[in-house]
């Protein structure tokens, strides 16, 4: 009886381990993985492009602010000169 239960236990354990073993990836799964890799690469490239665009816009925005402040400075200089002349 002990031998029979031991044999049954080993048989059940073997079936469980065989069912949990590694499985090969199907062609469909491999193609999905490849699509995901391509999508990840495209997304990374898009992120880099957008970061470059953000930096460019920040730079342009600073340039326009500098230009506006320089114009304001020049106009205030002209106003100060007019005041010093007595107008």
Protein backbone atom coordinates (compact mmCIF):
# COMPACT_ATOMS: atom_id res chain seq x y z
CA UNK A 1 0.00 0.00 0.00
CA UNK A 2 2.82 2.40 0.85
CA UNK A 3 4.50 1.60 -2.43
CA UNK A 4 1.28 2.27 -4.34
CA UNK A 5 0.69 5.63 -2.63
CA UNK A 6 4.34 6.55 -3.09
CA UNK A 7 4.15 5.64 -6.77
CA UNK A 8 0.91 7.62 -7.16
CA UNK A 9 2.49 10.61 -5.41
CA UNK A 10 5.55 10.49 -7.67
CA UNK A 11 3.28 10.18 -10.73
CA UNK A 12 1.21 13.20 -9.71
CA UNK A 13 4.36 15.21 -8.98
CA UNK A 14 5.79 14.28 -12.38
CA UNK A 15 2.59 15.42 -14.14
CA UNK A 16 2.61 18.71 -12.24
CA UNK A 17 6.26 19.39 -13.01
CA UNK A 18 5.80 18.48 -16.66
CA UNK A 19 2.89 20.92 -16.91
CA UNK A 20 4.92 23.72 -15.35
CA UNK A 21 7.95 23.25 -17.57
CA UNK A 22 9.23 25.83 -20.03
CA UNK A 23 7.18 26.38 -23.12
CA UNK A 24 8.46 27.54 -26.47
CA UNK A 25 7.38 30.92 -27.75
CA UNK A 26 5.05 30.80 -30.72
CA UNK A 27 5.71 32.73 -33.91
CA UNK A 28 2.81 35.00 -33.00
CA UNK A 29 4.35 35.81 -29.64
CA UNK A 30 7.73 36.47 -31.22
CA UNK A 31 6.17 38.80 -33.77
CA UNK A 32 4.32 40.65 -30.98
CA UNK A 33 7.59 41.04 -29.10
CA UNK A 34 9.27 42.39 -32.22
CA UNK A 35 6.42 44.85 -32.78
CA UNK A 36 6.73 46.01 -29.18
CA UNK A 37 10.47 46.53 -29.60
CA UNK A 38 9.92 48.58 -32.74
CA UNK A 39 7.23 50.63 -31.00
CA UNK A 40 9.56 51.23 -28.05
CA UNK A 41 12.33 52.40 -30.37
CA UNK A 42 9.95 54.72 -32.21
CA UNK A 43 8.68 56.12 -28.92
CA UNK A 44 12.24 56.70 -27.69
CA UNK A 45 13.11 58.52 -30.89
CA UNK A 46 9.96 60.65 -30.62
CA UNK A 47 10.87 61.53 -27.02
CA UNK A 48 14.33 62.66 -28.14
CA UNK A 49 12.82 64.78 -30.93
CA UNK A 50 10.32 66.38 -28.55
CA UNK A 51 13.02 67.13 -25.98
CA UNK A 52 15.08 68.81 -28.70
CA UNK A 53 12.04 70.80 -29.76
CA UNK A 54 11.40 71.85 -26.15
CA UNK A 55 14.99 73.05 -25.81
CA UNK A 56 14.71 74.97 -29.08
CA UNK A 57 11.46 76.64 -28.00
CA UNK A 58 12.97 77.58 -24.64
CA UNK A 59 15.92 79.10 -26.45
CA UNK A 60 13.70 81.02 -28.85
CA UNK A 61 11.53 82.23 -26.00
CA UNK A 62 14.59 83.53 -24.15
CA UNK A 63 15.84 85.25 -27.29
CA UNK A 64 12.52 87.02 -27.78
CA UNK A 65 12.45 88.10 -24.12
CA UNK A 66 15.98 89.44 -24.40
CA UNK A 67 15.06 91.36 -27.53
CA UNK A 68 11.95 92.82 -25.89
CA UNK A 69 13.91 93.88 -22.82
CA UNK A 70 16.59 95.50 -24.98
CA UNK A 71 13.92 97.48 -26.84
CA UNK A 72 12.42 98.58 -23.53
CA UNK A 73 15.89 99.60 -22.30
CA UNK A 74 16.49 101.65 -25.43
CA UNK A 75 13.14 103.37 -25.15
CA UNK A 76 13.81 104.22 -21.50
CA UNK A 77 17.23 105.61 -22.44
CA UNK A 78 15.58 107.85 -25.02
CA UNK A 79 12.99 108.98 -22.48
CA UNK A 80 15.75 109.73 -19.93
CA UNK A 81 17.65 111.78 -22.51
CA UNK A 82 14.51 113.78 -23.25
CA UNK A 83 13.99 114.44 -19.53
CA UNK A 84 17.62 115.52 -19.09
CA UNK A 85 17.21 117.97 -22.00
CA UNK A 86 14.27 119.56 -20.21
CA UNK A 87 11.32 118.29 -22.17
